[in-house]
């Protein structure tokens, strides 16, 4: 309930009475009580109608589908991780300081990614009519935005608990734990889900200048909701529409341009003249200097993925599926460093100012991420050699993985535009083809390496080089299509 004085045009006295008999600010004007919940319910019905009710049903359905996915796919994958290795040796390695450190770094990287995402799209993003028509009303902003926060909070709690339940259930089915293990992993996952959603909201608050942006808002959610500015909410709502539209139409360039932050680092550095190939390489190095967030995110993902992949190739106790798990962050880390490839693909078909061909330019832009990834993989291989396990086959397998990473990211950059009927499922599969190619072939390399099947490994190596040739052909084809 909230009390407000009845405006002059809303008085209950006789309309024939002169307006100046009772002034609007006169203490004699009676105060009436408004039910804020009732007003918000009316506004919700006027703005959303049946769509608001259907949105809640869609949220429940999404949770149901996610639960089924964890039950059908999550539990078998977790079981496979532990059943395809020696439990004693695997448990000893997972309890090592290196494994614990990687786990802590992984959780910190995940929370850091949530904070990074909150600068562009936070958990509280009501529709634009609600921002324009309801938020300016004299209502408690925490109450007006509470529904969207509840959606995000319940979603984070559910996803975190379900992830912990899946891991704990996989350990139990693999005979590596009991009921207590399921309870502990579920509680830890739920706690991480709650922490992630609160960090997400805190980052959204910090995306707009305000008087209160401290860490104390993590446990003062109503105050955090009151700190959300209308202009900030409009920006986040526009970012949501831009990203959704770009993803559905297959045009990620629009999203990248909309979400690019102003350059604040390395602004005094200048690009030196030289040979065209060297200039392109130096341009990519300068780009990473000016975007330290991209460099650090790529470094974190590559370190994590490289550690898991190297462990899978060099340690007999590692499960074969470990390489499958590590290839995805390794692929994403390489992609974070490959902004030059994406910029070339965005401007494909335009005349080159340096006079280089399209393939030579792509090779130049792939040099920096390839060198950085090779340095990370070489470092982890040196660590494995120090620990006493670095077979020659692992070096060959890591080389094939590096070739796959280059090919997959070139395919992703030069995928072009979709030529089929745009449906969410087909667009998602179209986006996932480069990553799936890397993960599937890399997993085959890992399995054949652990089994010592070098004949099969030679066949897969030809497939890897065929993917590289496919990527090069995509560069030429996309360039010629834009020039014609």
Protein backbone atom coordinates (compact mmCIF):
# COMPACT_ATOMS: atom_id res chain seq x y z
CA UNK A 1 0.00 0.00 0.00
CA UNK A 2 1.10 3.56 -0.66
CA UNK A 3 -0.58 6.81 0.27
CA UNK A 4 -0.79 9.75 -2.10
CA UNK A 5 -2.87 12.92 -2.09
CA UNK A 6 -5.76 12.95 -4.50
CA UNK A 7 -4.95 15.28 -7.43
CA UNK A 8 -7.16 18.28 -8.02
CA UNK A 9 -8.73 16.73 -11.10
CA UNK A 10 -9.51 13.55 -9.17
CA UNK A 11 -11.47 15.06 -6.26
CA UNK A 12 -14.77 13.58 -5.20
CA UNK A 13 -16.45 16.96 -4.49
CA UNK A 14 -19.16 18.52 -6.61
CA UNK A 15 -17.79 19.53 -10.05
CA UNK A 16 -19.68 22.79 -9.85
CA UNK A 17 -17.62 23.87 -6.87
CA UNK A 18 -14.91 26.41 -7.80
CA UNK A 19 -11.45 24.87 -8.16
CA UNK A 20 -9.82 27.36 -5.83
CA UNK A 21 -11.94 26.38 -2.84
CA UNK A 22 -9.48 23.62 -1.87
CA UNK A 23 -5.89 23.95 -3.05
CA UNK A 24 -4.12 20.76 -4.18
CA UNK A 25 -1.43 21.14 -1.53
CA UNK A 26 -3.87 21.96 1.23
CA UNK A 27 -3.48 19.60 4.21
CA UNK A 28 -7.23 19.25 4.16
CA UNK A 29 -7.05 17.27 0.91
CA UNK A 30 -7.58 13.66 2.00
CA UNK A 31 -4.98 11.03 1.32
CA UNK A 32 -6.15 7.86 -0.34
CA UNK A 33 -4.48 4.48 -0.36
CA UNK A 34 -3.42 2.77 -3.58
CA UNK A 35 -2.69 -0.93 -3.76
CA UNK A 36 0.62 -1.03 -5.66
CA UNK A 37 0.23 -4.72 -6.42
CA UNK A 38 -3.20 -4.11 -7.92
CA UNK A 39 -1.88 -1.23 -10.03
CA UNK A 40 1.03 -3.33 -11.28
CA UNK A 41 -1.35 -6.17 -12.07
CA UNK A 42 -3.52 -3.84 -14.13
CA UNK A 43 -0.48 -2.48 -15.95
CA UNK A 44 0.72 -6.02 -16.60
CA UNK A 45 -2.60 -6.94 -18.15
CA UNK A 46 -2.74 -3.79 -20.30
CA UNK A 47 0.86 -4.10 -21.54
CA UNK A 48 1.36 -7.86 -21.68
CA UNK A 49 -2.11 -9.40 -21.73
CA UNK A 50 -2.09 -13.14 -22.29
CA UNK A 51 1.55 -12.98 -23.42
CA UNK A 52 2.71 -12.41 -19.83
CA UNK A 53 0.91 -15.54 -18.63
CA UNK A 54 2.27 -17.57 -21.55
CA UNK A 55 5.79 -16.34 -20.75
CA UNK A 56 5.56 -17.98 -17.32
CA UNK A 57 4.37 -21.22 -18.90
CA UNK A 58 7.25 -21.10 -21.38
CA UNK A 59 9.68 -20.68 -18.49
CA UNK A 60 8.30 -23.79 -16.79
CA UNK A 61 8.49 -25.71 -20.05
CA UNK A 62 12.13 -24.63 -20.55
CA UNK A 63 12.97 -25.90 -17.07
CA UNK A 64 11.25 -29.20 -17.84
CA UNK A 65 13.23 -29.61 -21.08
CA UNK A 66 16.47 -28.75 -19.27
CA UNK A 67 15.75 -31.35 -16.60
CA UNK A 68 15.08 -34.01 -19.25
CA UNK A 69 18.30 -33.05 -21.06
CA UNK A 70 20.32 -33.44 -17.86
CA UNK A 71 18.67 -36.80 -17.19
CA UNK A 72 19.12 -38.19 -20.72
CA UNK A 73 22.49 -36.69 -21.66
CA UNK A 74 24.12 -35.25 -18.55
CA UNK A 75 24.15 -38.34 -16.34
CA UNK A 76 25.53 -40.70 -19.04
CA UNK A 77 28.30 -38.25 -19.92
CA UNK A 78 29.35 -37.85 -16.28
CA UNK A 79 29.30 -41.62 -15.83
CA UNK A 80 31.45 -42.05 -18.93
CA UNK A 81 34.02 -39.62 -17.54
CA UNK A 82 34.57 -41.80 -14.47
CA UNK A 83 33.89 -45.28 -15.86
CA UNK A 84 36.44 -45.04 -18.70
CA UNK A 85 39.40 -44.63 -16.34
CA UNK A 86 40.97 -46.26 -13.33
CA UNK A 87 39.06 -44.89 -10.29
CA UNK A 88 42.09 -44.97 -7.96
CA UNK A 89 44.49 -43.15 -10.26
CA UNK A 90 41.81 -40.72 -11.39
CA UNK A 91 40.80 -39.88 -7.81
CA UNK A 92 44.43 -39.28 -6.87
CA UNK A 93 44.93 -36.91 -9.79
CA UNK A 94 41.68 -35.04 -9.15
CA UNK A 95 42.75 -34.43 -5.55
CA UNK A 96 46.11 -33.02 -6.60
CA UNK A 97 46.88 -29.32 -6.07
CA UNK A 98 46.94 -28.72 -9.85
CA UNK A 99 43.43 -30.14 -10.28
CA UNK A 100 42.07 -28.18 -7.32
CA UNK A 101 43.69 -25.01 -8.66
CA UNK A 102 42.15 -25.57 -12.09
CA UNK A 103 38.75 -26.09 -10.48
CA UNK A 104 39.03 -22.83 -8.55
CA UNK A 105 40.20 -20.97 -11.65
CA UNK A 106 37.33 -22.44 -13.68
CA UNK A 107 34.72 -21.32 -11.15
CA UNK A 108 36.30 -17.87 -10.96
CA UNK A 109 36.33 -17.63 -14.76
CA UNK A 110 32.66 -18.61 -14.90
CA UNK A 111 31.71 -15.94 -12.36
CA UNK A 112 33.88 -13.43 -14.21
CA UNK A 113 32.04 -14.23 -17.44
CA UNK A 114 28.74 -13.56 -15.64
CA UNK A 115 30.02 -10.18 -14.46
CA UNK A 116 31.20 -9.37 -17.99
CA UNK A 117 27.84 -10.30 -19.50
CA UNK A 118 25.98 -8.14 -16.97
CA UNK A 119 27.50 -5.00 -18.49
CA UNK A 120 25.57 -5.62 -21.71
CA UNK A 121 22.54 -7.68 -20.71
CA UNK A 122 21.56 -8.06 -17.07
CA UNK A 123 19.03 -10.35 -15.40
CA UNK A 124 16.39 -7.62 -15.02
CA UNK A 125 15.25 -6.54 -18.48
CA UNK A 126 11.51 -5.72 -18.66
CA UNK A 127 9.90 -4.93 -22.03
CA UNK A 128 10.25 -1.41 -23.37
CA UNK A 129 6.59 -0.38 -22.75
CA UNK A 130 7.00 -1.31 -19.10
CA UNK A 131 10.14 0.80 -18.84
CA UNK A 132 8.50 3.81 -20.50
CA UNK A 133 5.05 3.67 -18.88
CA UNK A 134 5.34 1.95 -15.50
CA UNK A 135 8.75 2.84 -14.09
CA UNK A 136 8.14 6.64 -14.19
CA UNK A 137 5.04 6.15 -12.00
CA UNK A 138 5.35 6.90 -8.25
CA UNK A 139 5.83 3.24 -7.34
CA UNK A 140 8.62 1.43 -5.54
CA UNK A 141 11.06 0.46 -8.29
CA UNK A 142 12.05 -2.68 -6.43
CA UNK A 143 8.42 -3.78 -6.53
CA UNK A 144 8.00 -2.84 -10.18
CA UNK A 145 11.08 -4.88 -11.21
CA UNK A 146 10.74 -7.71 -8.75
CA UNK A 147 9.13 -10.15 -11.20
CA UNK A 148 12.06 -10.16 -13.64
CA UNK A 149 14.51 -10.59 -10.80
CA UNK A 150 12.54 -13.57 -9.54
CA UNK A 151 12.68 -15.17 -12.97
CA UNK A 152 16.49 -14.82 -13.04
CA UNK A 153 16.97 -15.87 -9.41
CA UNK A 154 14.83 -19.00 -9.76
CA UNK A 155 16.53 -19.84 -13.07
CA UNK A 156 20.02 -19.48 -11.59
CA UNK A 157 19.09 -21.57 -8.55
CA UNK A 158 17.53 -24.27 -10.73
CA UNK A 159 20.43 -24.47 -13.21
CA UNK A 160 23.03 -24.53 -10.44
CA UNK A 161 21.22 -27.20 -8.43
CA UNK A 162 20.57 -29.28 -11.54
CA UNK A 163 24.25 -29.12 -12.52
CA UNK A 164 25.32 -30.25 -9.06
CA UNK A 165 22.69 -32.98 -9.06
CA UNK A 166 23.91 -34.23 -12.45
CA UNK A 167 27.54 -34.41 -11.32
CA UNK A 168 26.63 -36.04 -8.01
CA UNK A 169 24.29 -38.52 -9.70
CA UNK A 170 26.99 -39.46 -12.20
CA UNK A 171 29.42 -40.13 -9.34
CA UNK A 172 26.87 -42.34 -7.60
CA UNK A 173 26.04 -44.35 -10.72
CA UNK A 174 29.77 -44.83 -11.31
CA UNK A 175 30.10 -46.23 -7.75
CA UNK A 176 32.36 -43.37 -6.68
CA UNK A 177 30.08 -41.82 -4.07
CA UNK A 178 26.93 -42.14 -2.03
CA UNK A 179 23.82 -40.14 -1.21
CA UNK A 180 25.89 -37.60 0.72
CA UNK A 181 27.83 -36.85 -2.47
CA UNK A 182 24.61 -35.99 -4.31
CA UNK A 183 23.46 -33.73 -1.47
CA UNK A 184 26.79 -31.89 -1.26
CA UNK A 185 27.15 -31.34 -5.02
CA UNK A 186 23.54 -30.17 -5.31
CA UNK A 187 23.95 -27.67 -2.46
CA UNK A 188 27.25 -26.39 -3.86
CA UNK A 189 25.73 -26.01 -7.32
CA UNK A 190 22.71 -24.17 -5.91
CA UNK A 191 24.98 -21.82 -3.94
CA UNK A 192 27.04 -21.07 -7.05
CA UNK A 193 23.83 -20.43 -9.00
CA UNK A 194 22.62 -17.93 -6.41
CA UNK A 195 26.02 -16.20 -6.30
CA UNK A 196 26.17 -16.02 -10.11
CA UNK A 197 22.73 -14.38 -10.41
CA UNK A 198 23.55 -11.82 -7.73
CA UNK A 199 26.85 -10.99 -9.39
CA UNK A 200 24.94 -10.67 -12.65
CA UNK A 201 22.57 -8.12 -11.07
CA UNK A 202 25.44 -6.27 -9.42
CA UNK A 203 27.20 -5.97 -12.77
CA UNK A 204 24.02 -4.61 -14.34
CA UNK A 205 23.80 -1.96 -11.63
CA UNK A 206 27.42 -0.98 -12.29
CA UNK A 207 26.73 -0.53 -16.01
CA UNK A 208 25.25 2.89 -15.19
CA UNK A 209 26.79 5.56 -12.92
CA UNK A 210 25.03 5.71 -9.58
CA UNK A 211 25.58 6.59 -5.92
CA UNK A 212 25.58 3.00 -4.65
CA UNK A 213 27.55 0.41 -6.64
CA UNK A 214 29.42 -1.45 -3.89
CA UNK A 215 29.53 -5.17 -3.19
CA UNK A 216 26.98 -4.65 -0.43
CA UNK A 217 24.28 -4.79 -3.11
CA UNK A 218 24.93 -8.53 -3.43
CA UNK A 219 22.82 -9.18 -0.33
CA UNK A 220 20.60 -6.08 -0.60
CA UNK A 221 18.62 -7.05 -3.68
CA UNK A 222 15.78 -4.48 -3.20
CA UNK A 223 18.33 -1.68 -3.03
CA UNK A 224 20.06 -3.05 -6.13
CA UNK A 225 16.76 -3.03 -8.02
CA UNK A 226 16.13 0.58 -6.94
CA UNK A 227 19.56 1.54 -8.32
CA UNK A 228 18.67 0.38 -11.84
CA UNK A 229 18.28 3.46 -14.01
CA UNK A 230 15.64 3.71 -16.73
CA UNK A 231 18.21 4.58 -19.38
CA UNK A 232 20.30 1.59 -18.38
CA UNK A 233 17.26 -0.68 -18.65
CA UNK A 234 16.48 0.74 -22.11
CA UNK A 235 20.04 0.04 -23.22
CA UNK A 236 19.91 -3.54 -21.94
CA UNK A 237 16.53 -4.09 -23.57
CA UNK A 238 17.87 -2.79 -26.89
CA UNK A 239 20.93 -5.04 -26.55
CA UNK A 240 18.63 -8.01 -26.02
CA UNK A 241 16.70 -7.27 -29.20
CA UNK A 242 19.92 -6.70 -31.16
CA UNK A 243 21.54 -9.94 -30.03
CA UNK A 244 18.38 -12.00 -30.58
CA UNK A 245 17.79 -10.54 -34.03
CA UNK A 246 21.43 -10.99 -35.05
CA UNK A 247 21.49 -14.59 -33.86
CA UNK A 248 18.25 -15.53 -35.61
CA UNK A 249 19.25 -13.94 -38.91
CA UNK A 250 22.81 -15.25 -38.86
CA UNK A 251 24.33 -11.77 -38.84
CA UNK A 252 26.61 -11.57 -35.82
CA UNK A 253 28.37 -8.48 -37.13
CA UNK A 254 25.46 -6.30 -35.97
CA UNK A 255 25.72 -7.68 -32.45
CA UNK A 256 29.47 -7.18 -32.34
CA UNK A 257 29.17 -3.58 -33.50
CA UNK A 258 26.40 -2.85 -30.98
CA UNK A 259 28.27 -4.38 -28.03
CA UNK A 260 31.73 -3.00 -28.79
CA UNK A 261 33.05 -0.82 -26.01
CA UNK A 262 35.13 2.32 -26.64
CA UNK A 263 38.89 1.73 -26.76
CA UNK A 264 40.51 2.91 -23.51
CA UNK A 265 43.81 1.00 -23.59
CA UNK A 266 46.79 1.35 -25.89
CA UNK A 267 45.45 4.44 -27.58
CA UNK A 268 48.92 5.97 -27.90
CA UNK A 269 50.33 2.91 -29.71
CA UNK A 270 50.62 3.22 -33.46
CA UNK A 271 50.90 0.63 -36.22
CA UNK A 272 54.34 0.61 -37.84
CA UNK A 273 54.78 0.28 -41.59
CA UNK A 274 56.38 -2.81 -43.10
CA UNK A 275 55.68 -5.85 -45.22
CA UNK A 276 51.90 -6.46 -45.63
CA UNK A 277 52.03 -9.81 -43.79
CA UNK A 278 53.96 -8.31 -40.86
CA UNK A 279 51.64 -5.29 -40.75
CA UNK A 280 48.57 -7.54 -40.47
CA UNK A 281 50.18 -9.54 -37.66
CA UNK A 282 51.16 -6.37 -35.80
CA UNK A 283 47.63 -5.08 -36.29
CA UNK A 284 46.23 -8.12 -34.47
CA UNK A 285 48.75 -7.71 -31.65
CA UNK A 286 47.73 -4.07 -31.33
CA UNK A 287 44.08 -5.11 -31.29
CA UNK A 288 44.71 -7.44 -28.34
CA UNK A 289 46.57 -4.66 -26.52
CA UNK A 290 43.60 -2.36 -26.94
CA UNK A 291 41.09 -5.01 -25.80
CA UNK A 292 42.68 -6.62 -22.73
CA UNK A 293 39.36 -8.25 -21.85
CA UNK A 294 39.45 -10.34 -25.03
CA UNK A 295 43.07 -11.29 -24.41
CA UNK A 296 42.45 -12.33 -20.80
CA UNK A 297 39.28 -14.26 -21.60
CA UNK A 298 41.10 -16.10 -24.40
CA UNK A 299 44.01 -16.81 -22.07
CA UNK A 300 41.76 -18.22 -19.37
CA UNK A 301 39.80 -20.44 -21.74
CA UNK A 302 42.93 -21.66 -23.53
CA UNK A 303 44.73 -22.45 -20.27
CA UNK A 304 41.74 -24.43 -19.02
CA UNK A 305 41.10 -26.29 -22.29
CA UNK A 306 44.81 -26.87 -22.92
CA UNK A 307 45.28 -28.36 -19.46
CA UNK A 308 42.40 -30.80 -19.91
CA UNK A 309 43.38 -31.81 -23.44
CA UNK A 310 47.05 -32.27 -22.56
CA UNK A 311 46.05 -34.30 -19.51
CA UNK A 312 43.86 -36.51 -21.69
CA UNK A 313 46.70 -37.13 -24.17
CA UNK A 314 49.55 -37.66 -21.70
CA UNK A 315 48.04 -39.35 -18.64
CA UNK A 316 46.92 -43.01 -18.89
CA UNK A 317 44.49 -42.48 -16.00
CA UNK A 318 42.62 -39.71 -17.82
CA UNK A 319 39.28 -40.75 -19.34
CA UNK A 320 38.98 -40.56 -23.11
CA UNK A 321 36.05 -38.18 -22.86
CA UNK A 322 38.24 -35.61 -21.07
CA UNK A 323 39.54 -34.41 -24.45
CA UNK A 324 35.96 -33.84 -25.60
CA UNK A 325 35.32 -31.67 -22.54
CA UNK A 326 38.54 -29.66 -22.98
CA UNK A 327 38.24 -29.02 -26.71
CA UNK A 328 35.31 -26.62 -26.39
CA UNK A 329 37.01 -24.05 -24.08
CA UNK A 330 40.16 -24.43 -26.18
CA UNK A 331 38.16 -23.62 -29.32
CA UNK A 332 36.48 -20.64 -27.66
CA UNK A 333 39.79 -19.33 -26.32
CA UNK A 334 41.33 -19.45 -29.80
CA UNK A 335 38.27 -17.61 -31.11
CA UNK A 336 38.65 -14.85 -28.52
CA UNK A 337 42.09 -14.11 -29.99
CA UNK A 338 40.94 -14.38 -33.63
CA UNK A 339 39.18 -11.03 -33.98
CA UNK A 340 41.26 -10.29 -37.07
CA UNK A 341 39.69 -13.24 -38.90
CA UNK A 342 36.19 -12.01 -38.07
CA UNK A 343 37.00 -8.47 -39.19
CA UNK A 344 38.32 -9.79 -42.51
CA UNK A 345 35.13 -11.84 -42.96
CA UNK A 346 32.96 -8.83 -42.10
CA UNK A 347 34.67 -6.76 -44.80
CA UNK A 348 35.11 -9.58 -47.30
CA UNK A 349 34.91 -8.56 -50.94
CA UNK A 350 36.30 -5.07 -50.45
CA UNK A 351 39.64 -4.23 -52.11
CA UNK A 352 42.63 -4.88 -49.88
CA UNK A 353 44.51 -1.69 -49.06
CA UNK A 354 47.72 -3.66 -48.55
CA UNK A 355 47.45 -5.61 -51.77
CA UNK A 356 47.33 -9.07 -50.15
CA UNK A 357 45.22 -11.98 -51.36
CA UNK A 358 42.32 -13.30 -49.32
CA UNK A 359 44.08 -16.52 -48.27
CA UNK A 360 47.34 -14.76 -47.37
CA UNK A 361 45.38 -12.25 -45.31
CA UNK A 362 43.55 -15.05 -43.48
CA UNK A 363 46.87 -16.78 -42.76
CA UNK A 364 48.25 -13.53 -41.35
CA UNK A 365 45.21 -13.04 -39.10
CA UNK A 366 45.46 -16.65 -37.89
CA UNK A 367 49.14 -16.25 -36.94
CA UNK A 368 48.70 -14.56 -33.55
CA UNK A 369 46.02 -16.89 -32.11
CA UNK A 370 47.86 -19.93 -33.47
CA UNK A 371 51.15 -18.84 -31.90
CA UNK A 372 49.51 -18.08 -28.54
CA UNK A 373 47.63 -21.39 -28.50
CA UNK A 374 50.76 -23.32 -29.47
CA UNK A 375 52.63 -21.58 -26.66
CA UNK A 376 49.97 -22.61 -24.13
CA UNK A 377 49.85 -26.22 -25.36
CA UNK A 378 53.65 -26.38 -25.39
CA UNK A 379 53.74 -25.11 -21.82
CA UNK A 380 51.31 -27.77 -20.61
CA UNK A 381 53.25 -30.43 -22.53
CA UNK A 382 56.43 -29.29 -20.77
CA UNK A 383 54.65 -29.60 -17.41
CA UNK A 384 53.60 -33.15 -18.35
CA UNK A 385 57.20 -33.96 -19.32
CA UNK A 386 58.44 -32.71 -15.97
CA UNK A 387 55.89 -34.92 -14.25
CA UNK A 388 57.25 -37.86 -16.25
CA UNK A 389 54.55 -38.53 -18.86
CA UNK A 390 54.97 -36.98 -22.32
CA UNK A 391 54.80 -39.65 -25.06
CA UNK A 392 55.70 -38.82 -28.64
CA UNK A 393 52.16 -39.65 -29.78
CA UNK A 394 50.83 -36.86 -27.60
CA UNK A 395 52.92 -34.31 -29.51
CA UNK A 396 51.49 -35.49 -32.83
CA UNK A 397 47.95 -35.44 -31.43
CA UNK A 398 48.34 -31.92 -30.07
CA UNK A 399 49.56 -30.81 -33.51
CA UNK A 400 46.41 -32.23 -35.08
CA UNK A 401 44.32 -30.45 -32.43
CA UNK A 402 46.05 -27.17 -33.28
CA UNK A 403 45.29 -27.65 -36.98
CA UNK A 404 41.66 -28.39 -36.07
CA UNK A 405 41.42 -25.21 -34.00
CA UNK A 406 42.70 -23.09 -36.89
CA UNK A 407 40.34 -24.78 -39.36
CA UNK A 408 37.29 -24.51 -37.09
CA UNK A 409 37.78 -20.82 -36.36
CA UNK A 410 38.35 -20.01 -40.04
CA UNK A 411 35.12 -21.87 -40.85
CA UNK A 412 33.31 -19.97 -38.11
CA UNK A 413 34.57 -16.59 -39.32
CA UNK A 414 33.80 -17.24 -43.00
CA UNK A 415 30.52 -19.12 -42.60
CA UNK A 416 28.71 -16.37 -44.51
CA UNK A 417 24.94 -15.97 -44.25
CA UNK A 418 22.39 -18.79 -43.94
CA UNK A 419 20.82 -19.86 -47.24
CA UNK A 420 18.01 -21.96 -45.74
CA UNK A 421 14.66 -21.24 -44.13
CA UNK A 422 15.41 -19.49 -40.84
CA UNK A 423 14.25 -21.64 -37.94
CA UNK A 424 15.83 -21.50 -34.46
CA UNK A 425 16.88 -25.17 -34.56
CA UNK A 426 18.49 -24.99 -38.00
CA UNK A 427 20.22 -21.69 -37.21
CA UNK A 428 21.62 -23.14 -33.97
CA UNK A 429 22.93 -26.19 -35.84
CA UNK A 430 24.40 -23.93 -38.52
CA UNK A 431 26.28 -21.98 -35.85
CA UNK A 432 27.47 -25.18 -34.15
CA UNK A 433 28.96 -26.90 -37.24
CA UNK A 434 32.55 -25.53 -36.81
CA UNK A 435 32.62 -26.30 -33.07
CA UNK A 436 31.11 -29.75 -33.59
CA UNK A 437 33.70 -30.50 -36.28
CA UNK A 438 36.54 -29.62 -33.90
CA UNK A 439 35.07 -31.54 -30.96
CA UNK A 440 34.17 -34.70 -32.90
CA UNK A 441 37.47 -35.04 -34.80
CA UNK A 442 39.49 -34.03 -31.74
CA UNK A 443 37.73 -36.69 -29.67
CA UNK A 444 38.54 -39.30 -32.32
CA UNK A 445 42.19 -38.24 -32.17
CA UNK A 446 42.15 -38.63 -28.37
CA UNK A 447 40.56 -42.09 -28.44
CA UNK A 448 42.94 -43.40 -31.12
CA UNK A 449 45.96 -41.92 -29.32
CA UNK A 450 45.07 -43.59 -26.01
CA UNK A 451 44.43 -46.92 -27.74
CA UNK A 452 47.70 -46.73 -29.68
CA UNK A 453 45.89 -47.14 -33.02
CA UNK A 454 48.25 -45.16 -35.23
CA UNK A 455 46.75 -46.55 -38.44
CA UNK A 456 43.38 -45.06 -37.55
CA UNK A 457 45.15 -41.90 -36.40
CA UNK A 458 46.70 -41.47 -39.84
CA UNK A 459 43.25 -41.74 -41.44
CA UNK A 460 41.84 -39.13 -39.05
CA UNK A 461 44.81 -36.86 -39.76
CA UNK A 462 43.80 -36.84 -43.43
CA UNK A 463 40.30 -35.81 -42.33
CA UNK A 464 41.80 -33.00 -40.27
CA UNK A 465 43.74 -31.66 -43.25
CA UNK A 466 40.59 -32.02 -45.38
CA UNK A 467 38.78 -29.75 -42.92
CA UNK A 468 41.64 -27.24 -43.28
CA UNK A 469 41.26 -27.36 -47.07
CA UNK A 470 37.51 -26.86 -46.64
CA UNK A 471 38.16 -23.77 -44.50
CA UNK A 472 40.51 -22.30 -47.13
CA UNK A 473 37.92 -22.94 -49.83
CA UNK A 474 35.32 -21.10 -47.74
CA UNK A 475 37.61 -18.05 -47.60
CA UNK A 476 37.94 -18.02 -51.38
CA UNK A 477 34.28 -18.76 -52.04
CA UNK A 478 32.94 -16.07 -49.73
CA UNK A 479 35.34 -13.53 -51.18
CA UNK A 480 34.36 -14.32 -54.77
CA UNK A 481 30.64 -14.28 -53.95
CA UNK A 482 30.92 -10.74 -52.59
CA UNK A 483 32.95 -9.56 -55.55
CA UNK A 484 30.55 -10.93 -58.15
